[in-house]
Amino acid sequence: MDELQSLLGTYIAALERGRTTASPKERVDYDQRLAAAAAIGAALQRRDAKELKRLGDQEERAAGWGFLVGKDGAAAEAALTQFVYRARMSGATFAA
């Protein structure tokens, strides 16, 4: 679980960096992704496998539809991919 929290922290940090340089229109995307990351973090804290799976899948789909601009956006996308992969492989979402 510590690894997943660390990976989620990496994702959040990348989103926060990207938000600081994003245009006002792009900030909306970053804000939505930060809100989703907070919900994922809450599910992780509660060890709610079903909700963690649902939110992770939802955020992964959102990433596919809403490309984040620039190197910080690419870093956020990579961090999300790593988090979702490790969550699935760790068994954190298996009970779902």
PDB file of N, CA and C in Angstrom:
ATOM      1  N   MET A   1       0.815  -1.185   0.000  1.00  0.00           N
ATOM      2  CA  MET A   1       0.000   0.000   0.000  1.00  0.00           C
ATOM      3  C   MET A   1       0.868   1.262   0.000  1.00  0.00           C
ATOM      4  N   ASP A   2       2.012   1.201   0.684  1.00  0.00           N
ATOM      5  CA  ASP A   2       2.913   2.360   0.712  1.00  0.00           C
ATOM      6  C   ASP A   2       3.400   2.708  -0.686  1.00  0.00           C
ATOM      7  N   GLU A   3       3.683   1.672  -1.488  1.00  0.00           N
ATOM      8  CA  GLU A   3       4.137   1.920  -2.854  1.00  0.00           C
ATOM      9  C   GLU A   3       3.054   2.640  -3.650  1.00  0.00           C
ATOM     10  N   LEU A   4       1.820   2.215  -3.493  1.00  0.00           N
ATOM     11  CA  LEU A   4       0.727   2.853  -4.224  1.00  0.00           C
ATOM     12  C   LEU A   4       0.537   4.298  -3.775  1.00  0.00           C
ATOM     13  N   GLN A   5       0.658   4.559  -2.490  1.00  0.00           N
ATOM     14  CA  GLN A   5       0.550   5.932  -2.004  1.00  0.00           C
ATOM     15  C   GLN A   5       1.669   6.794  -2.580  1.00  0.00           C
ATOM     16  N   SER A   6       2.856   6.239  -2.659  1.00  0.00           N
ATOM     17  CA  SER A   6       3.983   6.970  -3.226  1.00  0.00           C
ATOM     18  C   SER A   6       3.755   7.262  -4.714  1.00  0.00           C
ATOM     19  N   LEU A   7       3.279   6.262  -5.447  1.00  0.00           N
ATOM     20  CA  LEU A   7       3.012   6.458  -6.869  1.00  0.00           C
ATOM     21  C   LEU A   7       1.894   7.472  -7.091  1.00  0.00           C
ATOM     22  N   LEU A   8       0.879   7.422  -6.251  1.00  0.00           N
ATOM     23  CA  LEU A   8      -0.193   8.408  -6.355  1.00  0.00           C
ATOM     24  C   LEU A   8       0.353   9.803  -6.050  1.00  0.00           C
ATOM     25  N   GLY A   9       1.236   9.906  -5.079  1.00  0.00           N
ATOM     26  CA  GLY A   9       1.872  11.181  -4.765  1.00  0.00           C
ATOM     27  C   GLY A   9       2.668  11.723  -5.939  1.00  0.00           C
ATOM     28  N   THR A  10       3.340  10.846  -6.661  1.00  0.00           N
ATOM     29  CA  THR A  10       4.090  11.246  -7.852  1.00  0.00           C
ATOM     30  C   THR A  10       3.142  11.789  -8.915  1.00  0.00           C
ATOM     31  N   TYR A  11       2.010  11.123  -9.079  1.00  0.00           N
ATOM     32  CA  TYR A  11       0.990  11.574 -10.043  1.00  0.00           C
ATOM     33  C   TYR A  11       0.466  12.961  -9.651  1.00  0.00           C
ATOM     34  N   ILE A  12       0.124  13.124  -8.389  1.00  0.00           N
ATOM     35  CA  ILE A  12      -0.406  14.407  -7.908  1.00  0.00           C
ATOM     36  C   ILE A  12       0.625  15.523  -8.074  1.00  0.00           C
ATOM     37  N   ALA A  13       1.878  15.233  -7.742  1.00  0.00           N
ATOM     38  CA  ALA A  13       2.938  16.242  -7.887  1.00  0.00           C
ATOM     39  C   ALA A  13       3.093  16.662  -9.348  1.00  0.00           C
ATOM     40  N   ALA A  14       3.033  15.705 -10.268  1.00  0.00           N
ATOM     41  CA  ALA A  14       3.137  16.029 -11.693  1.00  0.00           C
ATOM     42  C   ALA A  14       1.947  16.873 -12.146  1.00  0.00           C
ATOM     43  N   LEU A  15       0.756  16.547 -11.653  1.00  0.00           N
ATOM     44  CA  LEU A  15      -0.419  17.355 -11.991  1.00  0.00           C
ATOM     45  C   LEU A  15      -0.278  18.774 -11.455  1.00  0.00           C
ATOM     46  N   GLU A  16       0.205  18.895 -10.237  1.00  0.00           N
ATOM     47  CA  GLU A  16       0.372  20.228  -9.645  1.00  0.00           C
ATOM     48  C   GLU A  16       1.400  21.056 -10.408  1.00  0.00           C
ATOM     49  N   ARG A  17       2.506  20.416 -10.818  1.00  0.00           N
ATOM     50  CA  ARG A  17       3.510  21.137 -11.620  1.00  0.00           C
ATOM     51  C   ARG A  17       2.904  21.597 -12.938  1.00  0.00           C
ATOM     52  N   GLY A  18       2.179  20.705 -13.592  1.00  0.00           N
ATOM     53  CA  GLY A  18       1.571  21.052 -14.875  1.00  0.00           C
ATOM     54  C   GLY A  18       0.544  22.152 -14.751  1.00  0.00           C
ATOM     55  N   ARG A  19      -0.194  22.142 -13.672  1.00  0.00           N
ATOM     56  CA  ARG A  19      -1.228  23.154 -13.467  1.00  0.00           C
ATOM     57  C   ARG A  19      -0.631  24.551 -13.364  1.00  0.00           C
ATOM     58  N   THR A  20       0.557  24.653 -12.778  1.00  0.00           N
ATOM     59  CA  THR A  20       1.166  25.973 -12.590  1.00  0.00           C
ATOM     60  C   THR A  20       1.559  26.638 -13.906  1.00  0.00           C
ATOM     61  N   THR A  21       1.813  25.860 -14.932  1.00  0.00           N
ATOM     62  CA  THR A  21       2.220  26.428 -16.220  1.00  0.00           C
ATOM     63  C   THR A  21       1.129  26.334 -17.278  1.00  0.00           C
ATOM     64  N   ALA A  22       0.002  25.741 -16.945  1.00  0.00           N
ATOM     65  CA  ALA A  22      -1.075  25.543 -17.911  1.00  0.00           C
ATOM     66  C   ALA A  22      -1.834  26.840 -18.158  1.00  0.00           C
ATOM     67  N   SER A  23      -2.440  26.908 -19.323  1.00  0.00           N
ATOM     68  CA  SER A  23      -3.317  28.036 -19.630  1.00  0.00           C
ATOM     69  C   SER A  23      -4.587  27.907 -18.778  1.00  0.00           C
ATOM     70  N   PRO A  24      -5.348  28.981 -18.658  1.00  0.00           N
ATOM     71  CA  PRO A  24      -6.582  28.891 -17.867  1.00  0.00           C
ATOM     72  C   PRO A  24      -7.508  27.764 -18.338  1.00  0.00           C
ATOM     73  N   LYS A  25      -7.624  27.567 -19.624  1.00  0.00           N
ATOM     74  CA  LYS A  25      -8.475  26.490 -20.151  1.00  0.00           C
ATOM     75  C   LYS A  25      -7.924  25.115 -19.750  1.00  0.00           C
ATOM     76  N   GLU A  26      -6.607  24.959 -19.844  1.00  0.00           N
ATOM     77  CA  GLU A  26      -5.979  23.678 -19.481  1.00  0.00           C
ATOM     78  C   GLU A  26      -6.053  23.421 -17.979  1.00  0.00           C
ATOM     79  N   ARG A  27      -6.078  24.480 -17.169  1.00  0.00           N
ATOM     80  CA  ARG A  27      -6.152  24.312 -15.713  1.00  0.00           C
ATOM     81  C   ARG A  27      -7.415  23.567 -15.295  1.00  0.00           C
ATOM     82  N   VAL A  28      -8.470  23.742 -16.053  1.00  0.00           N
ATOM     83  CA  VAL A  28      -9.720  23.022 -15.759  1.00  0.00           C
ATOM     84  C   VAL A  28      -9.469  21.514 -15.817  1.00  0.00           C
ATOM     85  N   ASP A  29      -8.735  21.069 -16.842  1.00  0.00           N
ATOM     86  CA  ASP A  29      -8.403  19.646 -16.960  1.00  0.00           C
ATOM     87  C   ASP A  29      -7.561  19.188 -15.775  1.00  0.00           C
ATOM     88  N   TYR A  30      -6.577  19.984 -15.418  1.00  0.00           N
ATOM     89  CA  TYR A  30      -5.728  19.633 -14.280  1.00  0.00           C
ATOM     90  C   TYR A  30      -6.540  19.582 -12.980  1.00  0.00           C
ATOM     91  N   ASP A  31      -7.455  20.529 -12.813  1.00  0.00           N
ATOM     92  CA  ASP A  31      -8.283  20.541 -11.602  1.00  0.00           C
ATOM     93  C   ASP A  31      -9.156  19.287 -11.526  1.00  0.00           C
ATOM     94  N   GLN A  32      -9.711  18.890 -12.662  1.00  0.00           N
ATOM     95  CA  GLN A  32     -10.536  17.676 -12.684  1.00  0.00           C
ATOM     96  C   GLN A  32      -9.701  16.448 -12.343  1.00  0.00           C
ATOM     97  N   ARG A  33      -8.497  16.384 -12.880  1.00  0.00           N
ATOM     98  CA  ARG A  33      -7.632  15.234 -12.618  1.00  0.00           C
ATOM     99  C   ARG A  33      -7.158  15.229 -11.167  1.00  0.00           C
ATOM    100  N   LEU A  34      -6.885  16.424 -10.608  1.00  0.00           N
ATOM    101  CA  LEU A  34      -6.497  16.503  -9.196  1.00  0.00           C
ATOM    102  C   LEU A  34      -7.643  16.056  -8.287  1.00  0.00           C
ATOM    103  N   ALA A  35      -8.864  16.420  -8.634  1.00  0.00           N
ATOM    104  CA  ALA A  35     -10.022  15.982  -7.850  1.00  0.00           C
ATOM    105  C   ALA A  35     -10.169  14.462  -7.917  1.00  0.00           C
ATOM    106  N   ALA A  36      -9.956  13.901  -9.093  1.00  0.00           N
ATOM    107  CA  ALA A  36     -10.028  12.443  -9.236  1.00  0.00           C
ATOM    108  C   ALA A  36      -8.919  11.769  -8.433  1.00  0.00           C
ATOM    109  N   ALA A  37      -7.733  12.356  -8.445  1.00  0.00           N
ATOM    110  CA  ALA A  37      -6.609  11.793  -7.683  1.00  0.00           C
ATOM    111  C   ALA A  37      -6.912  11.814  -6.187  1.00  0.00           C
ATOM    112  N   ALA A  38      -7.582  12.869  -5.719  1.00  0.00           N
ATOM    113  CA  ALA A  38      -7.965  12.940  -4.309  1.00  0.00           C
ATOM    114  C   ALA A  38      -8.953  11.833  -3.961  1.00  0.00           C
ATOM    115  N   ALA A  39      -9.905  11.581  -4.853  1.00  0.00           N
ATOM    116  CA  ALA A  39     -10.872  10.503  -4.624  1.00  0.00           C
ATOM    117  C   ALA A  39     -10.180   9.144  -4.627  1.00  0.00           C
ATOM    118  N   ILE A  40      -9.215   8.964  -5.513  1.00  0.00           N
ATOM    119  CA  ILE A  40      -8.445   7.722  -5.545  1.00  0.00           C
ATOM    120  C   ILE A  40      -7.683   7.551  -4.238  1.00  0.00           C
ATOM    121  N   GLY A  41      -7.085   8.637  -3.773  1.00  0.00           N
ATOM    122  CA  GLY A  41      -6.355   8.589  -2.508  1.00  0.00           C
ATOM    123  C   GLY A  41      -7.249   8.206  -1.340  1.00  0.00           C
ATOM    124  N   ALA A  42      -8.467   8.731  -1.335  1.00  0.00           N
ATOM    125  CA  ALA A  42      -9.410   8.392  -0.262  1.00  0.00           C
ATOM    126  C   ALA A  42      -9.778   6.909  -0.315  1.00  0.00           C
ATOM    127  N   ALA A  43     -10.013   6.391  -1.506  1.00  0.00           N
ATOM    128  CA  ALA A  43     -10.333   4.963  -1.647  1.00  0.00           C
ATOM    129  C   ALA A  43      -9.146   4.100  -1.227  1.00  0.00           C
ATOM    130  N   LEU A  44      -7.966   4.558  -1.537  1.00  0.00           N
ATOM    131  CA  LEU A  44      -6.752   3.835  -1.146  1.00  0.00           C
ATOM    132  C   LEU A  44      -6.618   3.807   0.377  1.00  0.00           C
ATOM    133  N   GLN A  45      -6.865   4.934   1.015  1.00  0.00           N
ATOM    134  CA  GLN A  45      -6.793   5.006   2.477  1.00  0.00           C
ATOM    135  C   GLN A  45      -7.810   4.075   3.134  1.00  0.00           C
ATOM    136  N   ARG A  46      -9.009   4.005   2.543  1.00  0.00           N
ATOM    137  CA  ARG A  46     -10.064   3.149   3.098  1.00  0.00           C
ATOM    138  C   ARG A  46      -9.861   1.674   2.738  1.00  0.00           C
ATOM    139  N   ARG A  47      -8.896   1.433   1.850  1.00  0.00           N
ATOM    140  CA  ARG A  47      -8.660   0.076   1.333  1.00  0.00           C
ATOM    141  C   ARG A  47      -9.923  -0.493   0.683  1.00  0.00           C
ATOM    142  N   ASP A  48     -10.596   0.376  -0.050  1.00  0.00           N
ATOM    143  CA  ASP A  48     -11.827   0.034  -0.745  1.00  0.00           C
ATOM    144  C   ASP A  48     -11.477  -0.415  -2.165  1.00  0.00           C
ATOM    145  N   ALA A  49     -11.265  -1.717  -2.322  1.00  0.00           N
ATOM    146  CA  ALA A  49     -10.788  -2.257  -3.596  1.00  0.00           C
ATOM    147  C   ALA A  49     -11.752  -1.975  -4.741  1.00  0.00           C
ATOM    148  N   LYS A  50     -13.036  -2.124  -4.495  1.00  0.00           N
ATOM    149  CA  LYS A  50     -14.022  -1.908  -5.558  1.00  0.00           C
ATOM    150  C   LYS A  50     -13.996  -0.454  -6.045  1.00  0.00           C
ATOM    151  N   GLU A  51     -13.970   0.483  -5.103  1.00  0.00           N
ATOM    152  CA  GLU A  51     -13.945   1.901  -5.464  1.00  0.00           C
ATOM    153  C   GLU A  51     -12.607   2.282  -6.090  1.00  0.00           C
ATOM    154  N   LEU A  52     -11.529   1.733  -5.581  1.00  0.00           N
ATOM    155  CA  LEU A  52     -10.207   2.006  -6.148  1.00  0.00           C
ATOM    156  C   LEU A  52     -10.155   1.542  -7.604  1.00  0.00           C
ATOM    157  N   LYS A  53     -10.678   0.371  -7.867  1.00  0.00           N
ATOM    158  CA  LYS A  53     -10.709  -0.131  -9.241  1.00  0.00           C
ATOM    159  C   LYS A  53     -11.564   0.768 -10.126  1.00  0.00           C
ATOM    160  N   ARG A  54     -12.749   1.124  -9.648  1.00  0.00           N
ATOM    161  CA  ARG A  54     -13.653   1.966 -10.430  1.00  0.00           C
ATOM    162  C   ARG A  54     -13.013   3.320 -10.750  1.00  0.00           C
ATOM    163  N   LEU A  55     -12.444   3.944  -9.724  1.00  0.00           N
ATOM    164  CA  LEU A  55     -11.828   5.256  -9.919  1.00  0.00           C
ATOM    165  C   LEU A  55     -10.575   5.177 -10.787  1.00  0.00           C
ATOM    166  N   GLY A  56      -9.776   4.149 -10.584  1.00  0.00           N
ATOM    167  CA  GLY A  56      -8.583   3.981 -11.413  1.00  0.00           C
ATOM    168  C   GLY A  56      -8.935   3.780 -12.871  1.00  0.00           C
ATOM    169  N   ASP A  57      -9.938   2.928 -13.124  1.00  0.00           N
ATOM    170  CA  ASP A  57     -10.390   2.709 -14.502  1.00  0.00           C
ATOM    171  C   ASP A  57     -10.944   3.994 -15.108  1.00  0.00           C
ATOM    172  N   GLN A  58     -11.725   4.721 -14.314  1.00  0.00           N
ATOM    173  CA  GLN A  58     -12.319   5.973 -14.781  1.00  0.00           C
ATOM    174  C   GLN A  58     -11.244   7.002 -15.117  1.00  0.00           C
ATOM    175  N   GLU A  59     -10.243   7.106 -14.267  1.00  0.00           N
ATOM    176  CA  GLU A  59      -9.175   8.086 -14.506  1.00  0.00           C
ATOM    177  C   GLU A  59      -8.329   7.670 -15.711  1.00  0.00           C
ATOM    178  N   GLU A  60      -8.118   6.388 -15.859  1.00  0.00           N
ATOM    179  CA  GLU A  60      -7.370   5.901 -17.023  1.00  0.00           C
ATOM    180  C   GLU A  60      -8.115   6.243 -18.318  1.00  0.00           C
ATOM    181  N   ARG A  61      -9.432   6.077 -18.327  1.00  0.00           N
ATOM    182  CA  ARG A  61     -10.230   6.467 -19.501  1.00  0.00           C
ATOM    183  C   ARG A  61     -10.167   7.973 -19.735  1.00  0.00           C
ATOM    184  N   ALA A  62     -10.261   8.740 -18.653  1.00  0.00           N
ATOM    185  CA  ALA A  62     -10.191  10.202 -18.777  1.00  0.00           C
ATOM    186  C   ALA A  62      -8.857  10.631 -19.371  1.00  0.00           C
ATOM    187  N   ALA A  63      -7.794   9.963 -18.984  1.00  0.00           N
ATOM    188  CA  ALA A  63      -6.470  10.282 -19.520  1.00  0.00           C
ATOM    189  C   ALA A  63      -6.433  10.024 -21.021  1.00  0.00           C
ATOM    190  N   GLY A  64      -7.106   8.987 -21.458  1.00  0.00           N
ATOM    191  CA  GLY A  64      -7.152   8.680 -22.883  1.00  0.00           C
ATOM    192  C   GLY A  64      -7.918   9.716 -23.689  1.00  0.00           C
ATOM    193  N   TRP A  65      -8.916  10.324 -23.067  1.00  0.00           N
ATOM    194  CA  TRP A  65      -9.735  11.317 -23.757  1.00  0.00           C
ATOM    195  C   TRP A  65      -9.221  12.733 -23.591  1.00  0.00           C
ATOM    196  N   GLY A  66      -8.548  13.012 -22.487  1.00  0.00           N
ATOM    197  CA  GLY A  66      -8.142  14.386 -22.187  1.00  0.00           C
ATOM    198  C   GLY A  66      -6.648  14.535 -22.054  1.00  0.00           C
ATOM    199  N   PHE A  67      -5.963  14.612 -23.160  1.00  0.00           N
ATOM    200  CA  PHE A  67      -4.508  14.726 -23.180  1.00  0.00           C
ATOM    201  C   PHE A  67      -4.056  15.985 -22.444  1.00  0.00           C
ATOM    202  N   LEU A  68      -3.089  15.822 -21.540  1.00  0.00           N
ATOM    203  CA  LEU A  68      -2.509  16.959 -20.826  1.00  0.00           C
ATOM    204  C   LEU A  68      -1.291  17.456 -21.593  1.00  0.00           C
ATOM    205  N   VAL A  69      -1.202  18.751 -21.782  1.00  0.00           N
ATOM    206  CA  VAL A  69      -0.200  19.375 -22.640  1.00  0.00           C
ATOM    207  C   VAL A  69       1.168  19.462 -21.966  1.00  0.00           C
ATOM    208  N   GLY A  70       2.216  19.349 -22.779  1.00  0.00           N
ATOM    209  CA  GLY A  70       3.577  19.615 -22.342  1.00  0.00           C
ATOM    210  C   GLY A  70       4.251  18.481 -21.601  1.00  0.00           C
ATOM    211  N   LYS A  71       5.495  18.755 -21.175  1.00  0.00           N
ATOM    212  CA  LYS A  71       6.283  17.712 -20.508  1.00  0.00           C
ATOM    213  C   LYS A  71       5.695  17.347 -19.153  1.00  0.00           C
ATOM    214  N   ASP A  72       5.108  18.322 -18.452  1.00  0.00           N
ATOM    215  CA  ASP A  72       4.479  18.011 -17.173  1.00  0.00           C
ATOM    216  C   ASP A  72       3.236  17.158 -17.370  1.00  0.00           C
ATOM    217  N   GLY A  73       2.498  17.432 -18.430  1.00  0.00           N
ATOM    218  CA  GLY A  73       1.341  16.609 -18.763  1.00  0.00           C
ATOM    219  C   GLY A  73       1.763  15.187 -19.090  1.00  0.00           C
ATOM    220  N   ALA A  74       2.844  15.054 -19.855  1.00  0.00           N
ATOM    221  CA  ALA A  74       3.356  13.723 -20.189  1.00  0.00           C
ATOM    222  C   ALA A  74       3.831  12.991 -18.933  1.00  0.00           C
ATOM    223  N   ALA A  75       4.454  13.734 -18.023  1.00  0.00           N
ATOM    224  CA  ALA A  75       4.912  13.125 -16.766  1.00  0.00           C
ATOM    225  C   ALA A  75       3.724  12.657 -15.930  1.00  0.00           C
ATOM    226  N   ALA A  76       2.644  13.443 -15.917  1.00  0.00           N
ATOM    227  CA  ALA A  76       1.441  13.053 -15.182  1.00  0.00           C
ATOM    228  C   ALA A  76       0.819  11.808 -15.794  1.00  0.00           C
ATOM    229  N   GLU A  77       0.749  11.759 -17.102  1.00  0.00           N
ATOM    230  CA  GLU A  77       0.184  10.585 -17.782  1.00  0.00           C
ATOM    231  C   GLU A  77       1.011   9.336 -17.474  1.00  0.00           C
ATOM    232  N   ALA A  78       2.327   9.475 -17.502  1.00  0.00           N
ATOM    233  CA  ALA A  78       3.208   8.338 -17.200  1.00  0.00           C
ATOM    234  C   ALA A  78       3.038   7.887 -15.756  1.00  0.00           C
ATOM    235  N   ALA A  79       2.919   8.850 -14.847  1.00  0.00           N
ATOM    236  CA  ALA A  79       2.744   8.511 -13.433  1.00  0.00           C
ATOM    237  C   ALA A  79       1.415   7.803 -13.205  1.00  0.00           C
ATOM    238  N   LEU A  80       0.367   8.250 -13.886  1.00  0.00           N
ATOM    239  CA  LEU A  80      -0.932   7.586 -13.763  1.00  0.00           C
ATOM    240  C   LEU A  80      -0.851   6.159 -14.283  1.00  0.00           C
ATOM    241  N   THR A  81      -0.227   5.979 -15.424  1.00  0.00           N
ATOM    242  CA  THR A  81      -0.091   4.645 -15.998  1.00  0.00           C
ATOM    243  C   THR A  81       0.630   3.718 -15.028  1.00  0.00           C
ATOM    244  N   GLN A  82       1.697   4.208 -14.434  1.00  0.00           N
ATOM    245  CA  GLN A  82       2.451   3.392 -13.478  1.00  0.00           C
ATOM    246  C   GLN A  82       1.603   3.077 -12.242  1.00  0.00           C
ATOM    247  N   PHE A  83       0.869   4.053 -11.736  1.00  0.00           N
ATOM    248  CA  PHE A  83       0.017   3.818 -10.567  1.00  0.00           C
ATOM    249  C   PHE A  83      -1.037   2.754 -10.867  1.00  0.00           C
ATOM    250  N   VAL A  84      -1.752   2.919 -11.971  1.00  0.00           N
ATOM    251  CA  VAL A  84      -2.831   1.975 -12.316  1.00  0.00           C
ATOM    252  C   VAL A  84      -2.259   0.571 -12.507  1.00  0.00           C
ATOM    253  N   TYR A  85      -1.140   0.469 -13.194  1.00  0.00           N
ATOM    254  CA  TYR A  85      -0.512  -0.834 -13.411  1.00  0.00           C
ATOM    255  C   TYR A  85      -0.143  -1.496 -12.075  1.00  0.00           C
ATOM    256  N   ARG A  86       0.515  -0.746 -11.197  1.00  0.00           N
ATOM    257  CA  ARG A  86       0.933  -1.318  -9.905  1.00  0.00           C
ATOM    258  C   ARG A  86      -0.274  -1.654  -9.023  1.00  0.00           C
ATOM    259  N   ALA A  87      -1.322  -0.842  -9.090  1.00  0.00           N
ATOM    260  CA  ALA A  87      -2.530  -1.137  -8.313  1.00  0.00           C
ATOM    261  C   ALA A  87      -3.129  -2.464  -8.762  1.00  0.00           C
ATOM    262  N   ARG A  88      -3.153  -2.683 -10.053  1.00  0.00           N
ATOM    263  CA  ARG A  88      -3.698  -3.943 -10.578  1.00  0.00           C
ATOM    264  C   ARG A  88      -2.795  -5.125 -10.223  1.00  0.00           C
ATOM    265  N   MET A  89      -1.493  -4.946 -10.355  1.00  0.00           N
ATOM    266  CA  MET A  89      -0.566  -6.048 -10.110  1.00  0.00           C
ATOM    267  C   MET A  89      -0.382  -6.349  -8.618  1.00  0.00           C
ATOM    268  N   SER A  90      -0.621  -5.368  -7.779  1.00  0.00           N
ATOM    269  CA  SER A  90      -0.419  -5.565  -6.335  1.00  0.00           C
ATOM    270  C   SER A  90      -1.567  -6.307  -5.684  1.00  0.00           C
ATOM    271  N   GLY A  91      -2.669  -6.395  -6.384  1.00  0.00           N
ATOM    272  CA  GLY A  91      -3.841  -7.028  -5.812  1.00  0.00           C
ATOM    273  C   GLY A  91      -4.757  -6.047  -5.110  1.00  0.00           C
ATOM    274  N   ALA A  92      -4.412  -4.769  -5.107  1.00  0.00           N
ATOM    275  CA  ALA A  92      -5.223  -3.765  -4.407  1.00  0.00           C
ATOM    276  C   ALA A  92      -6.624  -3.642  -4.992  1.00  0.00           C
ATOM    277  N   THR A  93      -6.792  -4.055  -6.244  1.00  0.00           N
ATOM    278  CA  THR A  93      -8.117  -3.959  -6.881  1.00  0.00           C
ATOM    279  C   THR A  93      -8.717  -5.335  -7.140  1.00  0.00           C
ATOM    280  N   PHE A  94      -8.105  -6.393  -6.663  1.00  0.00           N
ATOM    281  CA  PHE A  94      -8.592  -7.741  -6.964  1.00  0.00           C
ATOM    282  C   PHE A  94      -9.935  -8.063  -6.351  1.00  0.00           C
ATOM    283  N   ALA A  95     -10.218  -7.541  -5.187  1.00  0.00           N
ATOM    284  CA  ALA A  95     -11.478  -7.866  -4.516  1.00  0.00           C
ATOM    285  C   ALA A  95     -12.665  -7.275  -5.270  1.00  0.00           C
ATOM    286  N   ALA A  96     -12.380  -6.361  -6.180  1.00  0.00           N
ATOM    287  CA  ALA A  96     -13.459  -5.721  -6.932  1.00  0.00           C
ATOM    288  C   ALA A  96     -13.889  -6.656  -8.023  1.00  0.00           C
TER     289      ALA A  96
END
